[in-house]
Amino acid sequence: AYERGAGYLREQTEEMAGELKSFGINLNFAPVVDVNTNPDNPVI
């Protein structure tokens, strides 16, 4: 999403946030701020 541009990332995030808000979710464990420096990283 980030590589498609800031506008795309914002739009996708607004969709996700709006959906979570409609459910009643008040805490999202995001954003991931890990820097993926190891190409063999199995989890990030």
All heavy atoms as atom14 arrays in JSON, in Angstrom:
{
  "sequence": "AYERGAGYLREQTEEMAGELKSFGINLNFAPVVDVNTNPDNPVI",
  "atom14_mask": [
    [1, 1, 1, 1, 1, 0, 0, 0, 0, 0, 0, 0, 0, 0],
    [1, 1, 1, 1, 1, 1, 1, 1, 1, 1, 1, 1, 0, 0],
    [1, 1, 1, 1, 1, 1, 1, 1, 1, 0, 0, 0, 0, 0],
    [1, 1, 1, 1, 1, 1, 1, 1, 1, 1, 1, 0, 0, 0],
    [1, 1, 1, 1, 0, 0, 0, 0, 0, 0, 0, 0, 0, 0],
    [1, 1, 1, 1, 1, 0, 0, 0, 0, 0, 0, 0, 0, 0],
    [1, 1, 1, 1, 0, 0, 0, 0, 0, 0, 0, 0, 0, 0],
    [1, 1, 1, 1, 1, 1, 1, 1, 1, 1, 1, 1, 0, 0],
    [1, 1, 1, 1, 1, 1, 1, 1, 0, 0, 0, 0, 0, 0],
    [1, 1, 1, 1, 1, 1, 1, 1, 1, 1, 1, 0, 0, 0],
    [1, 1, 1, 1, 1, 1, 1, 1, 1, 0, 0, 0, 0, 0],
    [1, 1, 1, 1, 1, 1, 1, 1, 1, 0, 0, 0, 0, 0],
    [1, 1, 1, 1, 1, 1, 1, 0, 0, 0, 0, 0, 0, 0],
    [1, 1, 1, 1, 1, 1, 1, 1, 1, 0, 0, 0, 0, 0],
    [1, 1, 1, 1, 1, 1, 1, 1, 1, 0, 0, 0, 0, 0],
    [1, 1, 1, 1, 1, 1, 1, 1, 0, 0, 0, 0, 0, 0],
    [1, 1, 1, 1, 1, 0, 0, 0, 0, 0, 0, 0, 0, 0],
    [1, 1, 1, 1, 0, 0, 0, 0, 0, 0, 0, 0, 0, 0],
    [1, 1, 1, 1, 1, 1, 1, 1, 1, 0, 0, 0, 0, 0],
    [1, 1, 1, 1, 1, 1, 1, 1, 0, 0, 0, 0, 0, 0],
    [1, 1, 1, 1, 1, 1, 1, 1, 1, 0, 0, 0, 0, 0],
    [1, 1, 1, 1, 1, 1, 0, 0, 0, 0, 0, 0, 0, 0],
    [1, 1, 1, 1, 1, 1, 1, 1, 1, 1, 1, 0, 0, 0],
    [1, 1, 1, 1, 0, 0, 0, 0, 0, 0, 0, 0, 0, 0],
    [1, 1, 1, 1, 1, 1, 1, 1, 0, 0, 0, 0, 0, 0],
    [1, 1, 1, 1, 1, 1, 1, 1, 0, 0, 0, 0, 0, 0],
    [1, 1, 1, 1, 1, 1, 1, 1, 0, 0, 0, 0, 0, 0],
    [1, 1, 1, 1, 1, 1, 1, 1, 0, 0, 0, 0, 0, 0],
    [1, 1, 1, 1, 1, 1, 1, 1, 1, 1, 1, 0, 0, 0],
    [1, 1, 1, 1, 1, 0, 0, 0, 0, 0, 0, 0, 0, 0],
    [1, 1, 1, 1, 1, 1, 1, 0, 0, 0, 0, 0, 0, 0],
    [1, 1, 1, 1, 1, 1, 1, 0, 0, 0, 0, 0, 0, 0],
    [1, 1, 1, 1, 1, 1, 1, 0, 0, 0, 0, 0, 0, 0],
    [1, 1, 1, 1, 1, 1, 1, 1, 0, 0, 0, 0, 0, 0],
    [1, 1, 1, 1, 1, 1, 1, 0, 0, 0, 0, 0, 0, 0],
    [1, 1, 1, 1, 1, 1, 1, 1, 0, 0, 0, 0, 0, 0],
    [1, 1, 1, 1, 1, 1, 1, 0, 0, 0, 0, 0, 0, 0],
    [1, 1, 1, 1, 1, 1, 1, 1, 0, 0, 0, 0, 0, 0],
    [1, 1, 1, 1, 1, 1, 1, 0, 0, 0, 0, 0, 0, 0],
    [1, 1, 1, 1, 1, 1, 1, 1, 0, 0, 0, 0, 0, 0],
    [1, 1, 1, 1, 1, 1, 1, 1, 0, 0, 0, 0, 0, 0],
    [1, 1, 1, 1, 1, 1, 1, 0, 0, 0, 0, 0, 0, 0],
    [1, 1, 1, 1, 1, 1, 1, 0, 0, 0, 0, 0, 0, 0],
    [1, 1, 1, 1, 1, 1, 1, 1, 0, 0, 0, 0, 0, 0]
  ],
  "atom14_positions": [
    [[0.83, -1.21, 0.0], [0.0, 0.0, 0.0], [0.87, 1.26, 0.0], [0.59, 2.22, -0.73], [-0.93, -0.01, 1.21], [0.0, 0.0, 0.0], [0.0, 0.0, 0.0], [0.0, 0.0, 0.0], [0.0, 0.0, 0.0], [0.0, 0.0, 0.0], [0.0, 0.0, 0.0], [0.0, 0.0, 0.0], [0.0, 0.0, 0.0], [0.0, 0.0, 0.0]],
    [[1.94, 1.24, 0.8], [2.83, 2.4, 0.86], [3.5, 2.64, -0.49], [3.64, 3.8, -0.93], [3.9, 2.17, 1.94], [4.94, 3.25, 2.01], [4.65, 4.48, 2.61], [6.21, 3.06, 1.46], [5.62, 5.48, 2.67], [7.17, 4.05, 1.52], [6.87, 5.26, 2.12], [7.82, 6.26, 2.16], [0.0, 0.0, 0.0], [0.0, 0.0, 0.0]],
    [[3.89, 1.58, -1.16], [4.58, 1.73, -2.45], [3.65, 2.25, -3.54], [4.12, 2.76, -4.57], [5.21, 0.4, -2.86], [6.43, 0.04, -1.99], [7.09, -1.27, -2.4], [6.47, -2.04, -3.16], [8.23, -1.52, -1.94], [0.0, 0.0, 0.0], [0.0, 0.0, 0.0], [0.0, 0.0, 0.0], [0.0, 0.0, 0.0], [0.0, 0.0, 0.0]],
    [[2.34, 2.16, -3.34], [1.39, 2.73, -4.3], [1.19, 4.23, -4.08], [0.49, 4.88, -4.85], [0.05, 2.02, -4.22], [0.08, 0.61, -4.79], [-1.31, 0.15, -5.17], [-1.29, -1.19, -5.76], [-2.34, -1.76, -6.35], [-3.48, -1.09, -6.44], [-2.25, -2.97, -6.84], [0.0, 0.0, 0.0], [0.0, 0.0, 0.0], [0.0, 0.0, 0.0]],
    [[1.78, 4.74, -3.01], [1.71, 6.17, -2.76], [0.96, 6.52, -1.49], [0.14, 5.76, -0.99], [0.0, 0.0, 0.0], [0.0, 0.0, 0.0], [0.0, 0.0, 0.0], [0.0, 0.0, 0.0], [0.0, 0.0, 0.0], [0.0, 0.0, 0.0], [0.0, 0.0, 0.0], [0.0, 0.0, 0.0], [0.0, 0.0, 0.0], [0.0, 0.0, 0.0]],
    [[1.26, 7.72, -0.98], [0.67, 8.17, 0.28], [-0.85, 8.23, 0.19], [-1.55, 7.9, 1.15], [1.23, 9.54, 0.65], [0.0, 0.0, 0.0], [0.0, 0.0, 0.0], [0.0, 0.0, 0.0], [0.0, 0.0, 0.0], [0.0, 0.0, 0.0], [0.0, 0.0, 0.0], [0.0, 0.0, 0.0], [0.0, 0.0, 0.0], [0.0, 0.0, 0.0]],
    [[-1.36, 8.65, -0.96], [-2.81, 8.75, -1.13], [-3.48, 7.4, -1.02], [-4.54, 7.26, -0.39], [0.0, 0.0, 0.0], [0.0, 0.0, 0.0], [0.0, 0.0, 0.0], [0.0, 0.0, 0.0], [0.0, 0.0, 0.0], [0.0, 0.0, 0.0], [0.0, 0.0, 0.0], [0.0, 0.0, 0.0], [0.0, 0.0, 0.0], [0.0, 0.0, 0.0]],
    [[-2.86, 6.41, -1.65], [-3.45, 5.05, -1.6], [-3.42, 4.5, -0.18], [-4.41, 3.93, 0.3], [-2.7, 4.11, -2.54], [-3.37, 2.77, -2.68], [-4.25, 2.51, -3.73], [-3.15, 1.75, -1.75], [-4.89, 1.29, -3.85], [-3.79, 0.53, -1.85], [-4.65, 0.3, -2.91], [-5.29, -0.92, -3.01], [0.0, 0.0, 0.0], [0.0, 0.0, 0.0]],
    [[-2.28, 4.66, 0.5], [-2.17, 4.16, 1.87], [-3.2, 4.84, 2.77], [-3.85, 4.18, 3.59], [-0.76, 4.41, 2.41], [-0.54, 4.03, 3.88], [-0.79, 2.54, 4.11], [0.89, 4.4, 4.32], [0.0, 0.0, 0.0], [0.0, 0.0, 0.0], [0.0, 0.0, 0.0], [0.0, 0.0, 0.0], [0.0, 0.0, 0.0], [0.0, 0.0, 0.0]],
    [[-3.37, 6.14, 2.63], [-4.35, 6.85, 3.45], [-5.77, 6.35, 3.16], [-6.56, 6.1, 4.08], [-4.26, 8.36, 3.2], [-5.25, 9.17, 4.03], [-4.98, 10.67, 3.86], [-3.71, 11.05, 4.46], [-3.56, 11.33, 5.76], [-4.6, 11.25, 6.58], [-2.39, 11.69, 6.21], [0.0, 0.0, 0.0], [0.0, 0.0, 0.0], [0.0, 0.0, 0.0]],
    [[-6.08, 6.18, 1.88], [-7.43, 5.73, 1.52], [-7.71, 4.33, 2.06], [-8.78, 4.07, 2.62], [-7.58, 5.73, 0.0], [-8.96, 5.31, -0.47], [-9.1, 5.35, -2.0], [-8.22, 5.94, -2.66], [-10.07, 4.77, -2.51], [0.0, 0.0, 0.0], [0.0, 0.0, 0.0], [0.0, 0.0, 0.0], [0.0, 0.0, 0.0], [0.0, 0.0, 0.0]],
    [[-6.74, 3.42, 1.93], [-6.94, 2.07, 2.44], [-7.08, 2.08, 3.97], [-7.93, 1.37, 4.52], [-5.77, 1.17, 2.04], [-5.85, -0.23, 2.68], [-4.83, -1.2, 2.15], [-4.95, -1.67, 1.02], [-3.82, -1.53, 2.96], [0.0, 0.0, 0.0], [0.0, 0.0, 0.0], [0.0, 0.0, 0.0], [0.0, 0.0, 0.0], [0.0, 0.0, 0.0]],
    [[-6.25, 2.88, 4.63], [-6.32, 2.96, 6.09], [-7.65, 3.54, 6.54], [-8.24, 3.09, 7.53], [-5.16, 3.8, 6.63], [-3.93, 3.27, 6.15], [-5.14, 3.77, 8.15], [0.0, 0.0, 0.0], [0.0, 0.0, 0.0], [0.0, 0.0, 0.0], [0.0, 0.0, 0.0], [0.0, 0.0, 0.0], [0.0, 0.0, 0.0], [0.0, 0.0, 0.0]],
    [[-8.17, 4.53, 5.82], [-9.47, 5.11, 6.16], [-10.58, 4.08, 6.02], [-11.51, 4.03, 6.85], [-9.76, 6.32, 5.28], [-8.93, 7.54, 5.66], [-9.12, 8.71, 4.72], [-9.69, 8.5, 3.62], [-8.69, 9.83, 5.07], [0.0, 0.0, 0.0], [0.0, 0.0, 0.0], [0.0, 0.0, 0.0], [0.0, 0.0, 0.0], [0.0, 0.0, 0.0]],
    [[-10.49, 3.21, 5.01], [-11.48, 2.15, 4.85], [-11.42, 1.17, 6.03], [-12.45, 0.79, 6.6], [-11.24, 1.39, 3.55], [-11.59, 2.16, 2.3], [-11.29, 1.35, 1.04], [-10.83, 0.2, 1.18], [-11.5, 1.88, -0.06], [0.0, 0.0, 0.0], [0.0, 0.0, 0.0], [0.0, 0.0, 0.0], [0.0, 0.0, 0.0], [0.0, 0.0, 0.0]],
    [[-10.21, 0.76, 6.4], [-10.06, -0.19, 7.5], [-10.51, 0.44, 8.81], [-11.22, -0.2, 9.62], [-8.61, -0.66, 7.61], [-8.19, -1.6, 6.5], [-6.66, -2.52, 6.88], [-5.46, -1.2, 6.89], [0.0, 0.0, 0.0], [0.0, 0.0, 0.0], [0.0, 0.0, 0.0], [0.0, 0.0, 0.0], [0.0, 0.0, 0.0], [0.0, 0.0, 0.0]],
    [[-10.1, 1.69, 9.06], [-10.46, 2.36, 10.31], [-11.96, 2.55, 10.41], [-12.55, 2.35, 11.49], [-9.73, 3.69, 10.4], [0.0, 0.0, 0.0], [0.0, 0.0, 0.0], [0.0, 0.0, 0.0], [0.0, 0.0, 0.0], [0.0, 0.0, 0.0], [0.0, 0.0, 0.0], [0.0, 0.0, 0.0], [0.0, 0.0, 0.0], [0.0, 0.0, 0.0]],
    [[-12.59, 2.93, 9.3], [-14.04, 3.11, 9.31], [-14.78, 1.82, 9.61], [-15.77, 1.8, 10.35], [0.0, 0.0, 0.0], [0.0, 0.0, 0.0], [0.0, 0.0, 0.0], [0.0, 0.0, 0.0], [0.0, 0.0, 0.0], [0.0, 0.0, 0.0], [0.0, 0.0, 0.0], [0.0, 0.0, 0.0], [0.0, 0.0, 0.0], [0.0, 0.0, 0.0]],
    [[-14.3, 0.73, 9.02], [-14.91, -0.57, 9.27], [-14.75, -0.98, 10.74], [-15.71, -1.42, 11.38], [-14.28, -1.62, 8.36], [-14.9, -3.0, 8.5], [-14.29, -4.0, 7.53], [-13.05, -4.09, 7.47], [-15.06, -4.68, 6.84], [0.0, 0.0, 0.0], [0.0, 0.0, 0.0], [0.0, 0.0, 0.0], [0.0, 0.0, 0.0], [0.0, 0.0, 0.0]],
    [[-13.54, -0.83, 11.28], [-13.31, -1.18, 12.68], [-14.18, -0.33, 13.6], [-14.73, -0.84, 14.58], [-11.84, -1.02, 13.03], [-10.85, -1.95, 12.32], [-9.44, -1.71, 12.85], [-11.23, -3.41, 12.47], [0.0, 0.0, 0.0], [0.0, 0.0, 0.0], [0.0, 0.0, 0.0], [0.0, 0.0, 0.0], [0.0, 0.0, 0.0], [0.0, 0.0, 0.0]],
    [[-14.3, 0.94, 13.29], [-15.13, 1.83, 14.1], [-16.59, 1.37, 14.08], [-17.27, 1.4, 15.12], [-15.02, 3.26, 13.55], [-15.66, 4.32, 14.44], [-14.82, 4.59, 15.66], [-15.36, 5.77, 16.45], [-14.57, 6.03, 17.66], [0.0, 0.0, 0.0], [0.0, 0.0, 0.0], [0.0, 0.0, 0.0], [0.0, 0.0, 0.0], [0.0, 0.0, 0.0]],
    [[-17.07, 0.93, 12.92], [-18.46, 0.48, 12.82], [-18.71, -0.78, 13.65], [-19.82, -1.0, 14.13], [-18.82, 0.22, 11.35], [-18.21, -0.97, 10.86], [0.0, 0.0, 0.0], [0.0, 0.0, 0.0], [0.0, 0.0, 0.0], [0.0, 0.0, 0.0], [0.0, 0.0, 0.0], [0.0, 0.0, 0.0], [0.0, 0.0, 0.0], [0.0, 0.0, 0.0]],
    [[-17.68, -1.61, 13.81], [-17.81, -2.81, 14.63], [-17.83, -2.47, 16.13], [-18.4, -3.21, 16.92], [-16.64, -3.78, 14.39], [-16.6, -4.38, 13.02], [-15.38, -4.67, 12.42], [-17.75, -4.69, 12.33], [-15.31, -5.24, 11.17], [-17.7, -5.25, 11.06], [-16.49, -5.54, 10.48], [0.0, 0.0, 0.0], [0.0, 0.0, 0.0], [0.0, 0.0, 0.0]],
    [[-17.15, -1.41, 16.49], [-16.98, -1.07, 17.9], [-15.57, -1.26, 18.4], [-15.29, -1.11, 19.59], [0.0, 0.0, 0.0], [0.0, 0.0, 0.0], [0.0, 0.0, 0.0], [0.0, 0.0, 0.0], [0.0, 0.0, 0.0], [0.0, 0.0, 0.0], [0.0, 0.0, 0.0], [0.0, 0.0, 0.0], [0.0, 0.0, 0.0], [0.0, 0.0, 0.0]],
    [[-14.62, -1.57, 17.5], [-13.21, -1.72, 17.87], [-12.65, -0.35, 18.27], [-12.89, 0.65, 17.6], [-12.4, -2.29, 16.69], [-12.8, -3.74, 16.41], [-10.9, -2.18, 16.96], [-12.42, -4.72, 17.5], [0.0, 0.0, 0.0], [0.0, 0.0, 0.0], [0.0, 0.0, 0.0], [0.0, 0.0, 0.0], [0.0, 0.0, 0.0], [0.0, 0.0, 0.0]],
    [[-11.9, -0.32, 19.38], [-11.31, 0.95, 19.81], [-9.79, 0.92, 19.93], [-9.17, 1.92, 20.29], [-11.93, 1.41, 21.13], [-11.85, 0.37, 22.23], [-10.85, -0.34, 22.37], [-12.93, 0.26, 23.03], [0.0, 0.0, 0.0], [0.0, 0.0, 0.0], [0.0, 0.0, 0.0], [0.0, 0.0, 0.0], [0.0, 0.0, 0.0], [0.0, 0.0, 0.0]],
    [[-9.18, -0.23, 19.62], [-7.72, -0.37, 19.69], [-7.23, -1.27, 18.57], [-7.68, -2.41, 18.46], [-7.33, -0.97, 21.06], [-5.88, -1.46, 21.24], [-4.87, -0.35, 20.99], [-5.7, -2.05, 22.64], [0.0, 0.0, 0.0], [0.0, 0.0, 0.0], [0.0, 0.0, 0.0], [0.0, 0.0, 0.0], [0.0, 0.0, 0.0], [0.0, 0.0, 0.0]],
    [[-6.34, -0.75, 17.75], [-5.74, -1.54, 16.68], [-4.24, -1.65, 16.93], [-3.56, -0.64, 17.12], [-5.99, -0.9, 15.32], [-5.56, -1.81, 14.18], [-5.28, -2.99, 14.37], [-5.51, -1.26, 12.97], [0.0, 0.0, 0.0], [0.0, 0.0, 0.0], [0.0, 0.0, 0.0], [0.0, 0.0, 0.0], [0.0, 0.0, 0.0], [0.0, 0.0, 0.0]],
    [[-3.75, -2.89, 16.96], [-2.32, -3.11, 17.15], [-1.6, -2.86, 15.82], [-1.16, -3.76, 15.13], [-2.06, -4.51, 17.69], [-2.58, -4.72, 19.08], [-3.43, -5.78, 19.37], [-2.25, -3.86, 20.11], [-3.93, -5.97, 20.64], [-2.73, -4.04, 21.4], [-3.58, -5.1, 21.67], [0.0, 0.0, 0.0], [0.0, 0.0, 0.0], [0.0, 0.0, 0.0]],
    [[-1.49, -1.6, 15.5], [-0.85, -1.09, 14.29], [-0.54, 0.39, 14.58], [-1.17, 1.0, 15.45], [-1.78, -1.24, 13.09], [0.0, 0.0, 0.0], [0.0, 0.0, 0.0], [0.0, 0.0, 0.0], [0.0, 0.0, 0.0], [0.0, 0.0, 0.0], [0.0, 0.0, 0.0], [0.0, 0.0, 0.0], [0.0, 0.0, 0.0], [0.0, 0.0, 0.0]],
    [[0.43, 0.97, 13.89], [1.17, 0.44, 12.75], [2.38, -0.41, 13.17], [2.91, -0.26, 14.27], [1.66, 1.71, 12.05], [1.85, 2.69, 13.18], [0.75, 2.39, 14.16], [0.0, 0.0, 0.0], [0.0, 0.0, 0.0], [0.0, 0.0, 0.0], [0.0, 0.0, 0.0], [0.0, 0.0, 0.0], [0.0, 0.0, 0.0], [0.0, 0.0, 0.0]],
    [[2.8, -1.27, 12.24], [4.07, -1.97, 12.37], [5.16, -0.96, 12.02], [5.16, -0.4, 10.93], [4.13, -3.18, 11.4], [5.53, -3.77, 11.36], [3.11, -4.23, 11.82], [0.0, 0.0, 0.0], [0.0, 0.0, 0.0], [0.0, 0.0, 0.0], [0.0, 0.0, 0.0], [0.0, 0.0, 0.0], [0.0, 0.0, 0.0], [0.0, 0.0, 0.0]],
    [[6.06, -0.71, 12.96], [7.15, 0.23, 12.68], [8.51, -0.47, 12.68], [9.55, 0.17, 12.85], [7.14, 1.45, 13.65], [5.88, 2.25, 13.47], [7.3, 1.02, 15.1], [0.0, 0.0, 0.0], [0.0, 0.0, 0.0], [0.0, 0.0, 0.0], [0.0, 0.0, 0.0], [0.0, 0.0, 0.0], [0.0, 0.0, 0.0], [0.0, 0.0, 0.0]],
    [[8.48, -1.79, 12.48], [9.72, -2.52, 12.27], [10.34, -2.1, 10.94], [9.63, -1.83, 9.96], [9.45, -4.02, 12.24], [8.77, -4.51, 13.51], [9.34, -4.35, 14.58], [7.65, -5.05, 13.4], [0.0, 0.0, 0.0], [0.0, 0.0, 0.0], [0.0, 0.0, 0.0], [0.0, 0.0, 0.0], [0.0, 0.0, 0.0], [0.0, 0.0, 0.0]],
    [[11.66, -2.06, 10.9], [12.38, -1.79, 9.65], [12.91, -3.13, 9.16], [13.76, -3.75, 9.79], [13.55, -0.81, 9.9], [14.25, -0.49, 8.58], [13.04, 0.47, 10.57], [0.0, 0.0, 0.0], [0.0, 0.0, 0.0], [0.0, 0.0, 0.0], [0.0, 0.0, 0.0], [0.0, 0.0, 0.0], [0.0, 0.0, 0.0], [0.0, 0.0, 0.0]],
    [[12.38, -3.6, 8.04], [12.67, -4.96, 7.59], [14.03, -5.03, 6.88], [14.11, -5.13, 5.65], [11.56, -5.47, 6.67], [11.64, -6.97, 6.45], [11.59, -7.73, 7.41], [11.8, -7.38, 5.2], [0.0, 0.0, 0.0], [0.0, 0.0, 0.0], [0.0, 0.0, 0.0], [0.0, 0.0, 0.0], [0.0, 0.0, 0.0], [0.0, 0.0, 0.0]],
    [[15.1, -5.0, 7.66], [16.45, -4.97, 7.09], [16.97, -6.34, 6.67], [17.94, -6.43, 5.92], [17.43, -4.35, 8.09], [17.34, -5.07, 9.34], [17.11, -2.89, 8.34], [0.0, 0.0, 0.0], [0.0, 0.0, 0.0], [0.0, 0.0, 0.0], [0.0, 0.0, 0.0], [0.0, 0.0, 0.0], [0.0, 0.0, 0.0], [0.0, 0.0, 0.0]],
    [[16.36, -7.4, 7.17], [16.83, -8.75, 6.85], [15.88, -9.38, 5.83], [14.72, -9.68, 6.16], [16.9, -9.61, 8.11], [17.63, -10.92, 7.89], [17.56, -11.51, 6.81], [18.35, -11.39, 8.89], [0.0, 0.0, 0.0], [0.0, 0.0, 0.0], [0.0, 0.0, 0.0], [0.0, 0.0, 0.0], [0.0, 0.0, 0.0], [0.0, 0.0, 0.0]],
    [[16.32, -9.61, 4.6], [15.43, -10.19, 3.57], [14.97, -11.6, 3.9], [13.99, -12.08, 3.31], [16.29, -10.16, 2.3], [17.71, -10.12, 2.8], [17.67, -9.34, 4.07], [0.0, 0.0, 0.0], [0.0, 0.0, 0.0], [0.0, 0.0, 0.0], [0.0, 0.0, 0.0], [0.0, 0.0, 0.0], [0.0, 0.0, 0.0], [0.0, 0.0, 0.0]],
    [[15.64, -12.27, 4.84], [15.24, -13.62, 5.24], [14.33, -13.62, 6.47], [14.07, -14.68, 7.04], [16.48, -14.47, 5.54], [17.34, -14.68, 4.3], [16.78, -14.84, 3.21], [18.58, -14.67, 4.44], [0.0, 0.0, 0.0], [0.0, 0.0, 0.0], [0.0, 0.0, 0.0], [0.0, 0.0, 0.0], [0.0, 0.0, 0.0], [0.0, 0.0, 0.0]],
    [[13.86, -12.44, 6.85], [12.98, -12.34, 8.01], [11.69, -13.12, 7.76], [10.97, -12.85, 6.79], [12.64, -10.87, 8.27], [12.03, -10.62, 9.63], [11.08, -11.28, 10.02], [12.56, -9.64, 10.34], [0.0, 0.0, 0.0], [0.0, 0.0, 0.0], [0.0, 0.0, 0.0], [0.0, 0.0, 0.0], [0.0, 0.0, 0.0], [0.0, 0.0, 0.0]],
    [[11.34, -14.09, 8.62], [10.2, -14.94, 8.35], [8.86, -14.39, 8.84], [7.81, -14.95, 8.52], [10.55, -16.22, 9.12], [11.31, -15.71, 10.32], [12.1, -14.53, 9.81], [0.0, 0.0, 0.0], [0.0, 0.0, 0.0], [0.0, 0.0, 0.0], [0.0, 0.0, 0.0], [0.0, 0.0, 0.0], [0.0, 0.0, 0.0], [0.0, 0.0, 0.0]],
    [[8.89, -13.31, 9.62], [7.66, -12.87, 10.26], [7.25, -11.44, 9.9], [6.07, -11.11, 9.91], [7.77, -13.02, 11.8], [8.84, -12.1, 12.36], [6.44, -12.8, 12.49], [0.0, 0.0, 0.0], [0.0, 0.0, 0.0], [0.0, 0.0, 0.0], [0.0, 0.0, 0.0], [0.0, 0.0, 0.0], [0.0, 0.0, 0.0], [0.0, 0.0, 0.0]],
    [[8.2, -10.58, 9.53], [7.85, -9.19, 9.23], [7.65, -9.01, 7.72], [6.53, -8.87, 7.26], [8.92, -8.22, 9.77], [9.06, -8.39, 11.29], [8.52, -6.78, 9.44], [7.79, -8.14, 12.08], [0.0, 0.0, 0.0], [0.0, 0.0, 0.0], [0.0, 0.0, 0.0], [0.0, 0.0, 0.0], [0.0, 0.0, 0.0], [0.0, 0.0, 0.0]]
  ]
}
